[in-house]
Amino acid sequence: MQLPLGLLLSYHKIMTLQDKKIAKKRGRPATGTGRTIGVRIKSELAAQIDGWRAAQRPIPSQPEAIRRLVETGLKAKEK
């Protein structure tokens, strides 16, 4: 059985592509460029943060709410 010439050339091209291995990146993709800081917060303070978050529209995530509150506190200190 003979293959048509066009199919024969395509077959060779496909087979050469399969020989090359693509290196997979390991781990989770980077989600941000900032530094990660772990902080323990008492339940009373966490409740206050959650109350502040509930008043915001749209409601920010907890990390975003903490970032905004820290920025607000730093701006108030400058004045």
N, C-alpha and C. Protein backbone atom coordinates (compact mmCIF):
# COMPACT_ATOMS: atom_id res chain seq x y z
N MET A 1 0.84 -1.17 0.00
CA MET A 1 0.00 0.00 0.00
C MET A 1 0.89 1.24 0.00
N GLN A 2 0.60 2.17 -0.84
CA GLN A 2 1.38 3.39 -0.94
C GLN A 2 0.58 4.58 -0.45
N LEU A 3 1.25 5.48 0.26
CA LEU A 3 0.61 6.69 0.73
C LEU A 3 0.77 7.79 -0.32
N PRO A 4 -0.20 8.66 -0.44
CA PRO A 4 -0.04 9.80 -1.35
C PRO A 4 1.14 10.65 -0.89
N LEU A 5 1.77 11.34 -1.81
CA LEU A 5 2.99 12.09 -1.52
C LEU A 5 2.75 13.16 -0.43
N GLY A 6 1.65 13.89 -0.51
CA GLY A 6 1.35 14.93 0.48
C GLY A 6 1.20 14.35 1.87
N LEU A 7 0.55 13.21 2.00
CA LEU A 7 0.37 12.57 3.29
C LEU A 7 1.70 12.04 3.82
N LEU A 8 2.53 11.56 2.96
CA LEU A 8 3.83 11.05 3.36
C LEU A 8 4.70 12.17 3.93
N LEU A 9 4.67 13.35 3.31
CA LEU A 9 5.45 14.48 3.81
C LEU A 9 4.88 14.99 5.14
N SER A 10 3.57 15.01 5.28
CA SER A 10 2.94 15.45 6.52
C SER A 10 3.28 14.49 7.66
N TYR A 11 3.29 13.20 7.36
CA TYR A 11 3.59 12.18 8.35
C TYR A 11 5.00 12.39 8.90
N HIS A 12 5.94 12.67 8.04
CA HIS A 12 7.32 12.90 8.47
C HIS A 12 7.40 14.14 9.37
N LYS A 13 6.68 15.22 9.01
CA LYS A 13 6.70 16.46 9.78
C LYS A 13 6.09 16.24 11.17
N ILE A 14 5.00 15.49 11.25
CA ILE A 14 4.34 15.21 12.52
C ILE A 14 5.24 14.36 13.40
N MET A 15 5.88 13.37 12.84
CA MET A 15 6.72 12.48 13.63
C MET A 15 7.95 13.20 14.17
N THR A 16 8.50 14.16 13.44
CA THR A 16 9.66 14.89 13.94
C THR A 16 9.26 15.81 15.09
N LEU A 17 8.04 16.33 15.09
CA LEU A 17 7.57 17.18 16.18
C LEU A 17 7.38 16.37 17.46
N GLN A 18 7.02 15.12 17.35
CA GLN A 18 6.78 14.30 18.52
C GLN A 18 8.07 13.95 19.25
N ASP A 19 9.19 14.01 18.57
CA ASP A 19 10.45 13.68 19.21
C ASP A 19 10.90 14.73 20.20
N LYS A 20 10.48 15.98 20.00
CA LYS A 20 10.91 17.06 20.88
C LYS A 20 10.04 17.05 22.14
N LYS A 21 10.69 17.04 23.28
CA LYS A 21 9.96 17.06 24.53
C LYS A 21 9.84 18.50 25.01
N ILE A 22 8.66 18.85 25.47
CA ILE A 22 8.42 20.18 25.99
C ILE A 22 8.57 20.12 27.50
N ALA A 23 9.47 20.92 28.04
CA ALA A 23 9.71 20.93 29.48
C ALA A 23 8.55 21.62 30.17
N LYS A 24 7.97 20.96 31.15
CA LYS A 24 6.87 21.55 31.90
C LYS A 24 7.42 22.34 33.07
N LYS A 25 6.78 23.47 33.33
CA LYS A 25 7.17 24.26 34.48
C LYS A 25 6.59 23.61 35.73
N ARG A 26 7.35 23.59 36.78
CA ARG A 26 6.91 22.95 38.02
C ARG A 26 6.35 23.99 38.97
N GLY A 27 5.41 23.57 39.77
CA GLY A 27 4.85 24.43 40.81
C GLY A 27 3.71 25.28 40.32
N ARG A 28 3.17 26.06 41.24
CA ARG A 28 2.06 26.95 40.92
C ARG A 28 2.58 28.16 40.17
N PRO A 29 1.75 28.74 39.32
CA PRO A 29 2.17 29.96 38.64
C PRO A 29 2.23 31.13 39.62
N ALA A 30 3.07 32.08 39.34
CA ALA A 30 3.20 33.25 40.19
C ALA A 30 1.91 34.07 40.12
N THR A 31 1.37 34.45 41.27
CA THR A 31 0.12 35.20 41.28
C THR A 31 0.31 36.66 41.64
N GLY A 32 1.44 37.02 42.12
CA GLY A 32 1.68 38.40 42.49
C GLY A 32 3.16 38.68 42.57
N THR A 33 3.48 39.95 42.64
CA THR A 33 4.89 40.32 42.69
C THR A 33 5.29 40.84 44.06
N GLY A 34 4.31 41.01 44.96
CA GLY A 34 4.61 41.53 46.29
C GLY A 34 5.18 40.48 47.21
N ARG A 35 5.67 40.95 48.33
CA ARG A 35 6.23 40.07 49.35
C ARG A 35 5.11 39.50 50.21
N THR A 36 5.18 38.25 50.56
CA THR A 36 4.18 37.61 51.41
C THR A 36 4.60 37.77 52.87
N ILE A 37 3.63 38.24 53.68
CA ILE A 37 3.88 38.41 55.12
C ILE A 37 2.75 37.71 55.86
N GLY A 38 3.10 36.74 56.68
CA GLY A 38 2.10 36.03 57.47
C GLY A 38 1.85 36.75 58.78
N VAL A 39 0.58 36.95 59.12
CA VAL A 39 0.21 37.69 60.32
C VAL A 39 -0.88 36.94 61.06
N ARG A 40 -0.74 36.80 62.37
CA ARG A 40 -1.81 36.23 63.18
C ARG A 40 -2.65 37.38 63.72
N ILE A 41 -3.98 37.23 63.58
CA ILE A 41 -4.89 38.28 64.02
C ILE A 41 -5.88 37.67 65.00
N LYS A 42 -6.07 38.34 66.12
CA LYS A 42 -7.02 37.85 67.13
C LYS A 42 -8.43 37.93 66.58
N SER A 43 -9.30 37.10 67.14
CA SER A 43 -10.67 37.00 66.60
C SER A 43 -11.43 38.31 66.70
N GLU A 44 -11.17 39.12 67.74
CA GLU A 44 -11.86 40.41 67.87
C GLU A 44 -11.48 41.35 66.73
N LEU A 45 -10.18 41.41 66.42
CA LEU A 45 -9.72 42.26 65.33
C LEU A 45 -10.22 41.74 63.98
N ALA A 46 -10.24 40.42 63.81
CA ALA A 46 -10.74 39.83 62.58
C ALA A 46 -12.22 40.17 62.38
N ALA A 47 -12.98 40.19 63.47
CA ALA A 47 -14.40 40.56 63.38
C ALA A 47 -14.55 42.01 62.97
N GLN A 48 -13.69 42.89 63.48
CA GLN A 48 -13.73 44.30 63.08
C GLN A 48 -13.38 44.46 61.60
N ILE A 49 -12.39 43.71 61.15
CA ILE A 49 -12.01 43.76 59.73
C ILE A 49 -13.16 43.26 58.86
N ASP A 50 -13.80 42.17 59.27
CA ASP A 50 -14.93 41.63 58.52
C ASP A 50 -16.10 42.62 58.49
N GLY A 51 -16.32 43.34 59.59
CA GLY A 51 -17.35 44.36 59.62
C GLY A 51 -17.05 45.49 58.64
N TRP A 52 -15.79 45.90 58.60
CA TRP A 52 -15.38 46.95 57.65
C TRP A 52 -15.54 46.46 56.21
N ARG A 53 -15.15 45.21 55.98
CA ARG A 53 -15.28 44.63 54.63
C ARG A 53 -16.73 44.65 54.16
N ALA A 54 -17.65 44.29 55.07
CA ALA A 54 -19.07 44.20 54.71
C ALA A 54 -19.63 45.54 54.26
N ALA A 55 -19.05 46.65 54.77
CA ALA A 55 -19.53 47.98 54.41
C ALA A 55 -18.99 48.45 53.06
N GLN A 56 -17.99 47.77 52.52
CA GLN A 56 -17.38 48.18 51.26
C GLN A 56 -18.15 47.59 50.08
N ARG A 57 -18.15 48.31 48.97
CA ARG A 57 -18.77 47.80 47.73
C ARG A 57 -17.80 47.96 46.59
N PRO A 58 -17.45 46.94 45.87
CA PRO A 58 -17.73 45.53 46.14
C PRO A 58 -16.93 45.05 47.35
N ILE A 59 -17.40 43.99 47.96
CA ILE A 59 -16.75 43.48 49.17
C ILE A 59 -15.37 42.92 48.80
N PRO A 60 -14.31 43.48 49.39
CA PRO A 60 -12.96 42.98 49.08
C PRO A 60 -12.66 41.67 49.81
N SER A 61 -11.68 40.96 49.32
CA SER A 61 -11.23 39.76 50.02
C SER A 61 -10.55 40.19 51.33
N GLN A 62 -10.34 39.25 52.21
CA GLN A 62 -9.68 39.59 53.48
C GLN A 62 -8.29 40.19 53.26
N PRO A 63 -7.44 39.58 52.42
CA PRO A 63 -6.12 40.18 52.22
C PRO A 63 -6.21 41.59 51.63
N GLU A 64 -7.12 41.79 50.68
CA GLU A 64 -7.27 43.12 50.08
C GLU A 64 -7.76 44.12 51.12
N ALA A 65 -8.69 43.71 51.98
CA ALA A 65 -9.20 44.59 53.03
C ALA A 65 -8.07 44.99 53.98
N ILE A 66 -7.24 44.04 54.36
CA ILE A 66 -6.12 44.34 55.26
C ILE A 66 -5.14 45.29 54.59
N ARG A 67 -4.86 45.08 53.30
CA ARG A 67 -3.97 45.99 52.56
C ARG A 67 -4.54 47.41 52.57
N ARG A 68 -5.85 47.54 52.29
CA ARG A 68 -6.47 48.87 52.25
C ARG A 68 -6.44 49.54 53.62
N LEU A 69 -6.71 48.78 54.67
CA LEU A 69 -6.69 49.35 56.01
C LEU A 69 -5.29 49.79 56.42
N VAL A 70 -4.29 49.02 56.06
CA VAL A 70 -2.90 49.40 56.37
C VAL A 70 -2.53 50.67 55.61
N GLU A 71 -2.89 50.75 54.33
CA GLU A 71 -2.60 51.95 53.54
C GLU A 71 -3.30 53.17 54.14
N THR A 72 -4.56 53.01 54.54
CA THR A 72 -5.31 54.10 55.15
C THR A 72 -4.64 54.54 56.46
N GLY A 73 -4.22 53.60 57.27
CA GLY A 73 -3.53 53.93 58.52
C GLY A 73 -2.23 54.65 58.29
N LEU A 74 -1.47 54.24 57.28
CA LEU A 74 -0.20 54.89 56.99
C LEU A 74 -0.42 56.31 56.46
N LYS A 75 -1.45 56.52 55.64
CA LYS A 75 -1.75 57.85 55.13
C LYS A 75 -2.19 58.77 56.26
N ALA A 76 -2.97 58.24 57.20
CA ALA A 76 -3.43 59.05 58.33
C ALA A 76 -2.26 59.43 59.23
N LYS A 77 -1.30 58.56 59.36
CA LYS A 77 -0.13 58.84 60.20
C LYS A 77 0.71 59.96 59.60
N GLU A 78 0.77 60.02 58.25
CA GLU A 78 1.56 61.04 57.57
C GLU A 78 1.00 62.45 57.79
N LYS A 79 -0.32 62.55 57.94
CA LYS A 79 -0.96 63.87 58.08
C LYS A 79 -0.81 64.44 59.42
